[in-house]
Amino acid sequence: MRQSHRILLRLFCFFAAILMGCEHENQVLPKVVTTPVHEITRFSAQSGGEVVQEGTHSVIARGVCWNSFGNPTILEDTTLNRHGPGTFQSHILGLLPNITYFVRAYSISSSGTAYGEEQRFRISTIPEYLHPKLHYELITDIDGNYYYTIGIGHYVWMAQNLRTTRFSNGDRIDHVPD
C-alpha cells in the first residue's frame, strides 16, 4: 500500500510540474502544519496535519511522510489523506521498536510541495502489556531473567510473575505440583 502511495504522489508532482510549465515566479506554496505525534504503539502512531492556506493553486494531495534519519519527504514512506484545505488524521503503520522516527505533514499543489514542521518520536521496546506512559525499572533474578517493576506508593510491584528456578543463594527451587 505504501508503494502505491509513493507512485501516486510522484505522478501528482510530475503532472503538476507539466501543467504548470516552467513559470515558478510569484507562486505561493500551501501552508501546512504538522499535528503532534500521539497514540504511539509498538508498531504504529497517529499524526496528521492541517492545510491552513492553499496558496496559489488548490491542494491536490496531503498527508504525512516519515523516515528514521530526519527531514522526511514524499519520496519516502507516506500516507495520502485526500486533498484540499483543512485538518486530517494519519495512521502511520509498519514501524519497528527501538527506533526514532521523524514525521511531517505535506501538501501538494501545482505550485509545488510544502512541508510542516518536523516531529520526532520513538517506538518503545517495552512489552505490549505495559502502559507506554508509565515509568518502569528493570530487575534481574539469579537465573538472568529480567522483570519490569513499577513503584506504587511505598511499594515496588513486579509487572509479571517470577520465573526463576533458584533462590538468591543458588539453591534449587523444587517444583511442587499441589
N, C-alpha and C. Protein backbone atom coordinates (compact mmCIF):
# COMPACT_ATOMS: atom_id res chain seq x y z
N MET A 1 0.82 -1.19 0.00
CA MET A 1 0.00 0.00 0.00
C MET A 1 0.87 1.25 0.00
N ARG A 2 1.95 1.28 0.79
CA ARG A 2 2.81 2.45 0.83
C ARG A 2 3.46 2.69 -0.52
N GLN A 3 3.85 1.64 -1.21
CA GLN A 3 4.49 1.79 -2.52
C GLN A 3 3.52 2.45 -3.49
N SER A 4 2.25 2.08 -3.46
CA SER A 4 1.27 2.70 -4.36
C SER A 4 1.09 4.18 -4.02
N HIS A 5 1.16 4.54 -2.73
CA HIS A 5 1.06 5.94 -2.33
C HIS A 5 2.23 6.73 -2.92
N ARG A 6 3.43 6.17 -2.84
CA ARG A 6 4.61 6.85 -3.35
C ARG A 6 4.50 7.08 -4.85
N ILE A 7 4.05 6.07 -5.58
CA ILE A 7 3.90 6.19 -7.02
C ILE A 7 2.87 7.25 -7.36
N LEU A 8 1.74 7.24 -6.66
CA LEU A 8 0.69 8.21 -6.89
C LEU A 8 1.19 9.64 -6.62
N LEU A 9 1.93 9.82 -5.52
CA LEU A 9 2.45 11.15 -5.21
C LEU A 9 3.45 11.62 -6.25
N ARG A 10 4.30 10.72 -6.73
CA ARG A 10 5.26 11.10 -7.77
C ARG A 10 4.54 11.52 -9.05
N LEU A 11 3.46 10.78 -9.38
CA LEU A 11 2.68 11.15 -10.55
C LEU A 11 2.03 12.52 -10.37
N PHE A 12 1.48 12.79 -9.18
CA PHE A 12 0.91 14.10 -8.90
C PHE A 12 1.95 15.19 -9.15
N CYS A 13 3.14 15.01 -8.58
CA CYS A 13 4.20 16.01 -8.72
C CYS A 13 4.61 16.18 -10.18
N PHE A 14 4.74 15.08 -10.89
CA PHE A 14 5.16 15.11 -12.29
C PHE A 14 4.15 15.89 -13.13
N PHE A 15 2.87 15.52 -13.01
CA PHE A 15 1.85 16.18 -13.81
C PHE A 15 1.62 17.63 -13.39
N ALA A 16 1.76 17.91 -12.11
CA ALA A 16 1.64 19.29 -11.65
C ALA A 16 2.72 20.15 -12.27
N ALA A 17 3.93 19.63 -12.36
CA ALA A 17 5.03 20.37 -12.96
C ALA A 17 4.81 20.58 -14.46
N ILE A 18 4.27 19.57 -15.15
CA ILE A 18 3.99 19.69 -16.58
C ILE A 18 2.89 20.72 -16.83
N LEU A 19 1.81 20.63 -16.05
CA LEU A 19 0.70 21.56 -16.23
C LEU A 19 1.10 23.00 -15.93
N MET A 20 2.02 23.15 -15.01
CA MET A 20 2.46 24.48 -14.63
C MET A 20 3.45 25.09 -15.59
N GLY A 21 4.16 24.28 -16.30
CA GLY A 21 5.22 24.80 -17.17
C GLY A 21 6.42 25.19 -16.34
N CYS A 22 7.23 26.07 -16.86
CA CYS A 22 8.46 26.47 -16.17
C CYS A 22 8.29 27.73 -15.35
N GLU A 23 7.10 28.33 -15.34
CA GLU A 23 6.88 29.59 -14.66
C GLU A 23 6.67 29.36 -13.17
N HIS A 24 7.67 29.64 -12.35
CA HIS A 24 7.56 29.44 -10.91
C HIS A 24 7.51 30.76 -10.16
N GLU A 25 7.67 31.88 -10.85
CA GLU A 25 7.68 33.17 -10.18
C GLU A 25 6.30 33.49 -9.63
N ASN A 26 6.28 34.12 -8.49
CA ASN A 26 5.06 34.57 -7.82
C ASN A 26 4.11 33.43 -7.44
N GLN A 27 4.60 32.22 -7.38
CA GLN A 27 3.79 31.08 -6.95
C GLN A 27 3.90 30.95 -5.43
N VAL A 28 2.77 30.79 -4.75
CA VAL A 28 2.77 30.65 -3.30
C VAL A 28 2.42 29.19 -2.96
N LEU A 29 3.31 28.55 -2.20
CA LEU A 29 3.07 27.16 -1.78
C LEU A 29 1.98 27.12 -0.71
N PRO A 30 1.31 25.97 -0.59
CA PRO A 30 0.35 25.83 0.51
C PRO A 30 1.07 25.95 1.85
N LYS A 31 0.33 26.31 2.89
CA LYS A 31 0.89 26.35 4.25
C LYS A 31 0.28 25.19 5.01
N VAL A 32 1.14 24.33 5.54
CA VAL A 32 0.68 23.14 6.25
C VAL A 32 1.36 23.05 7.61
N VAL A 33 0.61 22.58 8.61
CA VAL A 33 1.09 22.44 9.98
C VAL A 33 1.02 20.96 10.35
N THR A 34 2.03 20.44 11.02
CA THR A 34 2.07 19.03 11.45
C THR A 34 1.42 18.88 12.82
N THR A 35 0.54 17.89 12.95
CA THR A 35 -0.07 17.55 14.24
C THR A 35 0.95 16.78 15.07
N PRO A 36 1.07 17.06 16.38
CA PRO A 36 1.98 16.27 17.22
C PRO A 36 1.64 14.77 17.16
N VAL A 37 2.68 13.95 17.22
CA VAL A 37 2.50 12.50 17.18
C VAL A 37 1.88 12.05 18.50
N HIS A 38 0.91 11.13 18.42
CA HIS A 38 0.23 10.62 19.60
C HIS A 38 -0.19 9.18 19.35
N GLU A 39 -0.74 8.55 20.37
CA GLU A 39 -1.18 7.14 20.30
C GLU A 39 -0.09 6.24 19.70
N ILE A 40 1.09 6.34 20.28
CA ILE A 40 2.23 5.55 19.81
C ILE A 40 2.12 4.15 20.40
N THR A 41 2.15 3.14 19.54
CA THR A 41 2.15 1.74 19.98
C THR A 41 3.50 1.13 19.60
N ARG A 42 3.60 -0.19 19.71
CA ARG A 42 4.86 -0.85 19.35
C ARG A 42 5.11 -0.86 17.85
N PHE A 43 4.05 -0.66 17.02
CA PHE A 43 4.22 -0.75 15.58
C PHE A 43 3.54 0.37 14.79
N SER A 44 2.91 1.32 15.48
CA SER A 44 2.19 2.38 14.76
C SER A 44 2.12 3.65 15.60
N ALA A 45 1.65 4.72 14.97
CA ALA A 45 1.45 6.00 15.66
C ALA A 45 0.42 6.81 14.87
N GLN A 46 -0.08 7.85 15.50
CA GLN A 46 -1.03 8.76 14.86
C GLN A 46 -0.38 10.12 14.73
N SER A 47 -0.64 10.79 13.63
CA SER A 47 -0.23 12.18 13.44
C SER A 47 -1.24 12.80 12.49
N GLY A 48 -0.81 13.68 11.64
CA GLY A 48 -1.70 14.34 10.69
C GLY A 48 -1.26 15.77 10.53
N GLY A 49 -2.21 16.61 10.17
CA GLY A 49 -1.86 18.00 9.98
C GLY A 49 -3.06 18.83 9.61
N GLU A 50 -2.75 20.05 9.21
CA GLU A 50 -3.79 20.95 8.74
C GLU A 50 -3.22 21.81 7.62
N VAL A 51 -3.92 21.83 6.50
CA VAL A 51 -3.59 22.75 5.43
C VAL A 51 -4.33 24.04 5.78
N VAL A 52 -3.59 25.02 6.28
CA VAL A 52 -4.22 26.25 6.76
C VAL A 52 -4.39 27.28 5.64
N GLN A 53 -3.64 27.10 4.55
CA GLN A 53 -3.77 28.00 3.41
C GLN A 53 -3.33 27.25 2.16
N GLU A 54 -4.15 27.31 1.11
CA GLU A 54 -3.83 26.56 -0.11
C GLU A 54 -2.74 27.20 -0.95
N GLY A 55 -2.54 28.47 -0.89
CA GLY A 55 -1.54 29.12 -1.73
C GLY A 55 -2.13 29.49 -3.07
N THR A 56 -1.26 29.57 -4.10
CA THR A 56 -1.68 30.00 -5.44
C THR A 56 -2.65 29.00 -6.07
N HIS A 57 -2.42 27.72 -5.89
CA HIS A 57 -3.24 26.68 -6.52
C HIS A 57 -3.84 25.75 -5.47
N SER A 58 -4.88 25.03 -5.86
CA SER A 58 -5.56 24.09 -4.96
C SER A 58 -4.65 22.94 -4.56
N VAL A 59 -4.83 22.46 -3.33
CA VAL A 59 -4.08 21.31 -2.83
C VAL A 59 -4.67 20.05 -3.45
N ILE A 60 -3.83 19.28 -4.17
CA ILE A 60 -4.30 18.07 -4.83
C ILE A 60 -3.98 16.81 -4.04
N ALA A 61 -3.12 16.90 -3.01
CA ALA A 61 -2.80 15.76 -2.15
C ALA A 61 -2.24 16.28 -0.84
N ARG A 62 -2.51 15.53 0.23
CA ARG A 62 -1.99 15.89 1.55
C ARG A 62 -1.84 14.62 2.38
N GLY A 63 -1.01 14.68 3.40
CA GLY A 63 -0.77 13.54 4.27
C GLY A 63 0.46 13.80 5.12
N VAL A 64 1.07 12.72 5.60
CA VAL A 64 2.32 12.82 6.34
C VAL A 64 3.36 11.93 5.67
N CYS A 65 4.62 12.28 5.85
CA CYS A 65 5.73 11.46 5.39
C CYS A 65 6.68 11.25 6.56
N TRP A 66 7.39 10.13 6.58
CA TRP A 66 8.27 9.83 7.71
C TRP A 66 9.46 8.99 7.28
N ASN A 67 10.50 9.03 8.12
CA ASN A 67 11.67 8.19 7.96
C ASN A 67 12.38 8.07 9.30
N SER A 68 13.54 7.43 9.31
CA SER A 68 14.27 7.24 10.57
C SER A 68 15.57 8.04 10.62
N PHE A 69 15.76 8.99 9.70
CA PHE A 69 17.01 9.76 9.70
C PHE A 69 16.80 11.28 9.62
N GLY A 70 15.57 11.75 9.50
CA GLY A 70 15.29 13.18 9.52
C GLY A 70 14.98 13.78 8.18
N ASN A 71 14.30 14.92 8.20
CA ASN A 71 13.92 15.65 7.00
C ASN A 71 13.15 14.78 6.01
N PRO A 72 12.06 14.12 6.44
CA PRO A 72 11.33 13.22 5.54
C PRO A 72 10.68 13.98 4.37
N THR A 73 10.57 13.30 3.23
CA THR A 73 9.94 13.87 2.04
C THR A 73 8.89 12.89 1.51
N ILE A 74 8.15 13.33 0.49
CA ILE A 74 7.12 12.47 -0.10
C ILE A 74 7.71 11.33 -0.92
N LEU A 75 9.02 11.30 -1.09
CA LEU A 75 9.67 10.21 -1.81
C LEU A 75 9.93 9.02 -0.89
N GLU A 76 9.57 9.15 0.40
CA GLU A 76 9.76 8.08 1.37
C GLU A 76 8.40 7.55 1.80
N ASP A 77 8.30 7.01 2.99
CA ASP A 77 7.02 6.48 3.47
C ASP A 77 6.03 7.62 3.66
N THR A 78 4.81 7.42 3.16
CA THR A 78 3.79 8.47 3.21
C THR A 78 2.41 7.89 3.48
N THR A 79 1.51 8.77 3.90
CA THR A 79 0.08 8.49 3.88
C THR A 79 -0.51 9.44 2.85
N LEU A 80 -1.69 9.13 2.36
CA LEU A 80 -2.40 10.00 1.43
C LEU A 80 -3.77 10.26 2.03
N ASN A 81 -4.02 11.51 2.44
CA ASN A 81 -5.24 11.86 3.15
C ASN A 81 -6.05 12.90 2.37
N ARG A 82 -6.50 12.49 1.20
CA ARG A 82 -7.40 13.30 0.37
C ARG A 82 -6.74 14.56 -0.18
N HIS A 83 -7.48 15.65 -0.31
CA HIS A 83 -7.00 16.89 -0.92
C HIS A 83 -7.71 18.08 -0.29
N GLY A 84 -7.28 19.28 -0.66
CA GLY A 84 -7.93 20.50 -0.20
C GLY A 84 -7.44 20.97 1.16
N PRO A 85 -7.99 22.11 1.62
CA PRO A 85 -7.60 22.65 2.91
C PRO A 85 -8.29 21.89 4.05
N GLY A 86 -7.87 22.18 5.29
CA GLY A 86 -8.50 21.59 6.46
C GLY A 86 -7.59 20.62 7.19
N THR A 87 -8.14 20.01 8.25
CA THR A 87 -7.37 19.09 9.09
C THR A 87 -7.51 17.66 8.58
N PHE A 88 -6.53 16.84 8.92
CA PHE A 88 -6.56 15.43 8.56
C PHE A 88 -5.77 14.63 9.59
N GLN A 89 -6.19 13.39 9.78
CA GLN A 89 -5.51 12.45 10.67
C GLN A 89 -4.84 11.38 9.84
N SER A 90 -3.65 10.96 10.23
CA SER A 90 -2.90 9.94 9.51
C SER A 90 -2.49 8.83 10.46
N HIS A 91 -2.72 7.60 10.04
CA HIS A 91 -2.30 6.43 10.81
C HIS A 91 -0.99 5.94 10.20
N ILE A 92 0.10 6.02 10.96
CA ILE A 92 1.43 5.63 10.50
C ILE A 92 1.65 4.17 10.89
N LEU A 93 1.82 3.30 9.90
CA LEU A 93 1.92 1.86 10.13
C LEU A 93 3.30 1.33 9.75
N GLY A 94 3.57 0.10 10.19
CA GLY A 94 4.80 -0.59 9.79
C GLY A 94 6.05 -0.12 10.51
N LEU A 95 5.90 0.46 11.69
CA LEU A 95 7.06 0.95 12.44
C LEU A 95 7.71 -0.19 13.22
N LEU A 96 8.97 -0.01 13.56
CA LEU A 96 9.73 -1.01 14.29
C LEU A 96 10.11 -0.49 15.67
N PRO A 97 10.13 -1.38 16.69
CA PRO A 97 10.51 -0.95 18.04
C PRO A 97 11.95 -0.45 18.12
N ASN A 98 12.20 0.39 19.12
CA ASN A 98 13.53 0.88 19.46
C ASN A 98 14.16 1.73 18.35
N ILE A 99 13.32 2.45 17.58
CA ILE A 99 13.80 3.32 16.51
C ILE A 99 13.17 4.69 16.68
N THR A 100 13.97 5.72 16.47
CA THR A 100 13.45 7.09 16.47
C THR A 100 13.00 7.42 15.05
N TYR A 101 11.79 7.95 14.93
CA TYR A 101 11.23 8.33 13.63
C TYR A 101 11.02 9.83 13.57
N PHE A 102 11.04 10.36 12.35
CA PHE A 102 10.78 11.76 12.07
C PHE A 102 9.59 11.82 11.13
N VAL A 103 8.64 12.70 11.41
CA VAL A 103 7.43 12.80 10.60
C VAL A 103 7.10 14.27 10.38
N ARG A 104 6.50 14.57 9.23
CA ARG A 104 5.98 15.91 9.00
C ARG A 104 4.85 15.83 7.97
N ALA A 105 3.93 16.77 8.10
CA ALA A 105 2.81 16.85 7.17
C ALA A 105 3.30 17.44 5.85
N TYR A 106 2.60 17.11 4.78
CA TYR A 106 2.91 17.70 3.48
C TYR A 106 1.60 18.06 2.78
N SER A 107 1.69 18.97 1.81
CA SER A 107 0.58 19.26 0.91
C SER A 107 1.17 19.56 -0.46
N ILE A 108 0.50 19.07 -1.49
CA ILE A 108 0.99 19.22 -2.85
C ILE A 108 -0.02 20.03 -3.65
N SER A 109 0.48 21.03 -4.38
CA SER A 109 -0.32 21.77 -5.35
C SER A 109 0.52 21.89 -6.62
N SER A 110 -0.05 22.46 -7.65
CA SER A 110 0.74 22.62 -8.87
C SER A 110 1.87 23.64 -8.67
N SER A 111 1.85 24.38 -7.57
CA SER A 111 2.96 25.29 -7.23
C SER A 111 4.14 24.53 -6.64
N GLY A 112 3.91 23.32 -6.13
CA GLY A 112 4.97 22.52 -5.53
C GLY A 112 4.50 21.83 -4.26
N THR A 113 5.44 21.30 -3.51
CA THR A 113 5.15 20.58 -2.27
C THR A 113 5.60 21.41 -1.08
N ALA A 114 4.70 21.54 -0.11
CA ALA A 114 5.03 22.26 1.12
C ALA A 114 5.04 21.26 2.27
N TYR A 115 5.89 21.51 3.26
CA TYR A 115 6.01 20.63 4.42
C TYR A 115 5.76 21.40 5.70
N GLY A 116 5.18 20.72 6.67
CA GLY A 116 5.03 21.27 8.01
C GLY A 116 6.30 21.03 8.80
N GLU A 117 6.28 21.43 10.05
CA GLU A 117 7.46 21.26 10.90
C GLU A 117 7.64 19.77 11.23
N GLU A 118 8.89 19.39 11.42
CA GLU A 118 9.25 18.00 11.71
C GLU A 118 8.97 17.66 13.17
N GLN A 119 8.36 16.51 13.40
CA GLN A 119 8.15 15.98 14.75
C GLN A 119 9.01 14.72 14.90
N ARG A 120 9.48 14.48 16.10
CA ARG A 120 10.31 13.30 16.37
C ARG A 120 9.59 12.46 17.41
N PHE A 121 9.62 11.12 17.22
CA PHE A 121 9.06 10.21 18.22
C PHE A 121 9.82 8.90 18.18
N ARG A 122 9.72 8.15 19.26
CA ARG A 122 10.45 6.88 19.38
C ARG A 122 9.47 5.78 19.73
N ILE A 123 9.63 4.66 19.04
CA ILE A 123 8.83 3.47 19.33
C ILE A 123 9.49 2.74 20.49
N SER A 124 8.71 2.39 21.49
CA SER A 124 9.23 1.78 22.70
C SER A 124 9.53 0.29 22.50
N THR A 125 10.41 -0.22 23.33
CA THR A 125 10.70 -1.65 23.31
C THR A 125 9.98 -2.38 24.43
N ILE A 126 9.20 -1.66 25.25
CA ILE A 126 8.53 -2.33 26.36
C ILE A 126 7.42 -3.24 25.81
N PRO A 127 7.15 -4.33 26.51
CA PRO A 127 6.10 -5.25 26.05
C PRO A 127 4.74 -4.57 25.97
N GLU A 128 3.88 -5.12 25.14
CA GLU A 128 2.56 -4.54 24.90
C GLU A 128 1.68 -4.49 26.14
N TYR A 129 1.91 -5.40 27.11
CA TYR A 129 1.05 -5.43 28.29
C TYR A 129 1.39 -4.33 29.29
N LEU A 130 2.46 -3.56 29.05
CA LEU A 130 2.81 -2.45 29.92
C LEU A 130 2.29 -1.13 29.34
N HIS A 131 1.92 -0.23 30.21
CA HIS A 131 1.40 1.06 29.77
C HIS A 131 2.56 1.94 29.30
N PRO A 132 2.50 2.48 28.05
CA PRO A 132 3.65 3.22 27.50
C PRO A 132 3.95 4.54 28.20
N LYS A 133 3.02 5.09 28.98
CA LYS A 133 3.26 6.38 29.62
C LYS A 133 3.73 6.27 31.06
N LEU A 134 3.85 5.05 31.57
CA LEU A 134 4.34 4.85 32.94
C LEU A 134 5.83 4.55 32.91
N HIS A 135 6.50 4.83 34.02
CA HIS A 135 7.95 4.61 34.11
C HIS A 135 8.22 3.29 34.85
N TYR A 136 8.91 2.38 34.19
CA TYR A 136 9.24 1.07 34.75
C TYR A 136 10.74 0.97 34.98
N GLU A 137 11.11 0.17 35.96
CA GLU A 137 12.52 -0.17 36.20
C GLU A 137 12.69 -1.64 35.82
N LEU A 138 13.92 -2.04 35.56
CA LEU A 138 14.22 -3.43 35.26
C LEU A 138 15.05 -4.03 36.38
N ILE A 139 14.68 -5.23 36.79
CA ILE A 139 15.49 -6.00 37.74
C ILE A 139 15.74 -7.36 37.13
N THR A 140 16.70 -8.09 37.70
CA THR A 140 17.02 -9.42 37.20
C THR A 140 17.10 -10.39 38.37
N ASP A 141 16.84 -11.67 38.09
CA ASP A 141 16.96 -12.69 39.13
C ASP A 141 18.26 -13.46 38.94
N ILE A 142 18.50 -14.45 39.78
CA ILE A 142 19.76 -15.22 39.75
C ILE A 142 19.91 -16.03 38.46
N ASP A 143 18.78 -16.33 37.79
CA ASP A 143 18.83 -17.07 36.53
C ASP A 143 19.05 -16.15 35.32
N GLY A 144 19.05 -14.83 35.54
CA GLY A 144 19.23 -13.90 34.43
C GLY A 144 17.93 -13.45 33.77
N ASN A 145 16.78 -13.81 34.35
CA ASN A 145 15.50 -13.34 33.82
C ASN A 145 15.30 -11.87 34.20
N TYR A 146 14.79 -11.08 33.28
CA TYR A 146 14.50 -9.67 33.54
C TYR A 146 13.02 -9.49 33.83
N TYR A 147 12.73 -8.54 34.74
CA TYR A 147 11.35 -8.24 35.13
C TYR A 147 11.16 -6.74 35.17
N TYR A 148 10.03 -6.29 34.67
CA TYR A 148 9.67 -4.88 34.79
C TYR A 148 9.00 -4.68 36.14
N THR A 149 9.39 -3.58 36.81
CA THR A 149 8.78 -3.24 38.10
C THR A 149 8.28 -1.80 38.04
N ILE A 150 7.32 -1.51 38.91
CA ILE A 150 6.79 -0.15 38.98
C ILE A 150 6.54 0.19 40.44
N GLY A 151 6.86 1.42 40.82
CA GLY A 151 6.60 1.89 42.18
C GLY A 151 5.19 2.46 42.28
N ILE A 152 4.43 1.97 43.24
CA ILE A 152 3.09 2.49 43.52
C ILE A 152 3.05 2.77 45.00
N GLY A 153 2.96 4.06 45.35
CA GLY A 153 3.02 4.44 46.75
C GLY A 153 4.39 4.11 47.31
N HIS A 154 4.41 3.37 48.44
CA HIS A 154 5.68 2.99 49.08
C HIS A 154 6.12 1.58 48.67
N TYR A 155 5.44 0.99 47.70
CA TYR A 155 5.72 -0.39 47.30
C TYR A 155 6.27 -0.45 45.88
N VAL A 156 7.06 -1.49 45.63
CA VAL A 156 7.54 -1.78 44.27
C VAL A 156 6.90 -3.09 43.85
N TRP A 157 6.19 -3.05 42.73
CA TRP A 157 5.46 -4.21 42.24
C TRP A 157 6.11 -4.73 40.96
N MET A 158 6.09 -6.05 40.81
CA MET A 158 6.56 -6.65 39.55
C MET A 158 5.38 -6.69 38.58
N ALA A 159 5.67 -6.45 37.31
CA ALA A 159 4.63 -6.44 36.29
C ALA A 159 4.40 -7.82 35.68
N GLN A 160 5.11 -8.82 36.16
CA GLN A 160 4.94 -10.19 35.66
C GLN A 160 5.34 -11.17 36.76
N ASN A 161 5.03 -12.43 36.55
CA ASN A 161 5.31 -13.46 37.56
C ASN A 161 6.79 -13.83 37.58
N LEU A 162 7.24 -14.26 38.76
CA LEU A 162 8.61 -14.70 38.95
C LEU A 162 8.84 -16.00 38.18
N ARG A 163 9.96 -16.07 37.44
CA ARG A 163 10.26 -17.25 36.61
C ARG A 163 11.55 -17.96 37.02
N THR A 164 12.15 -17.56 38.11
CA THR A 164 13.43 -18.14 38.50
C THR A 164 13.28 -19.60 38.94
N THR A 165 14.37 -20.34 38.85
CA THR A 165 14.38 -21.75 39.29
C THR A 165 15.30 -21.95 40.49
N ARG A 166 15.93 -20.83 40.97
CA ARG A 166 16.84 -20.92 42.10
C ARG A 166 16.60 -19.78 43.08
N PHE A 167 16.91 -20.02 44.34
CA PHE A 167 16.90 -18.98 45.36
C PHE A 167 18.12 -18.08 45.16
N SER A 168 18.17 -16.93 45.82
CA SER A 168 19.29 -16.00 45.66
C SER A 168 20.61 -16.58 46.13
N ASN A 169 20.57 -17.61 47.00
CA ASN A 169 21.82 -18.26 47.44
C ASN A 169 22.27 -19.35 46.48
N GLY A 170 21.50 -19.61 45.42
CA GLY A 170 21.87 -20.60 44.42
C GLY A 170 21.16 -21.94 44.58
N ASP A 171 20.50 -22.18 45.73
CA ASP A 171 19.78 -23.44 45.92
C ASP A 171 18.62 -23.53 44.94
N ARG A 172 18.38 -24.75 44.47
CA ARG A 172 17.30 -25.01 43.53
C ARG A 172 15.94 -24.90 44.20
N ILE A 173 14.96 -24.34 43.48
CA ILE A 173 13.59 -24.31 43.97
C ILE A 173 12.89 -25.53 43.42
N ASP A 174 12.44 -26.38 44.33
CA ASP A 174 11.77 -27.61 43.90
C ASP A 174 10.34 -27.28 43.43
N HIS A 175 9.95 -27.96 42.37
CA HIS A 175 8.60 -27.80 41.84
C HIS A 175 7.67 -28.74 42.60
N VAL A 176 6.66 -28.15 43.25
CA VAL A 176 5.68 -28.94 44.00
C VAL A 176 4.34 -28.78 43.27
N PRO A 177 3.83 -29.87 42.64
CA PRO A 177 2.63 -29.76 41.83
C PRO A 177 1.39 -29.31 42.60
N ASP A 178 1.06 -29.90 43.75
CA ASP A 178 -0.13 -29.50 44.50
C ASP A 178 0.17 -29.51 45.96
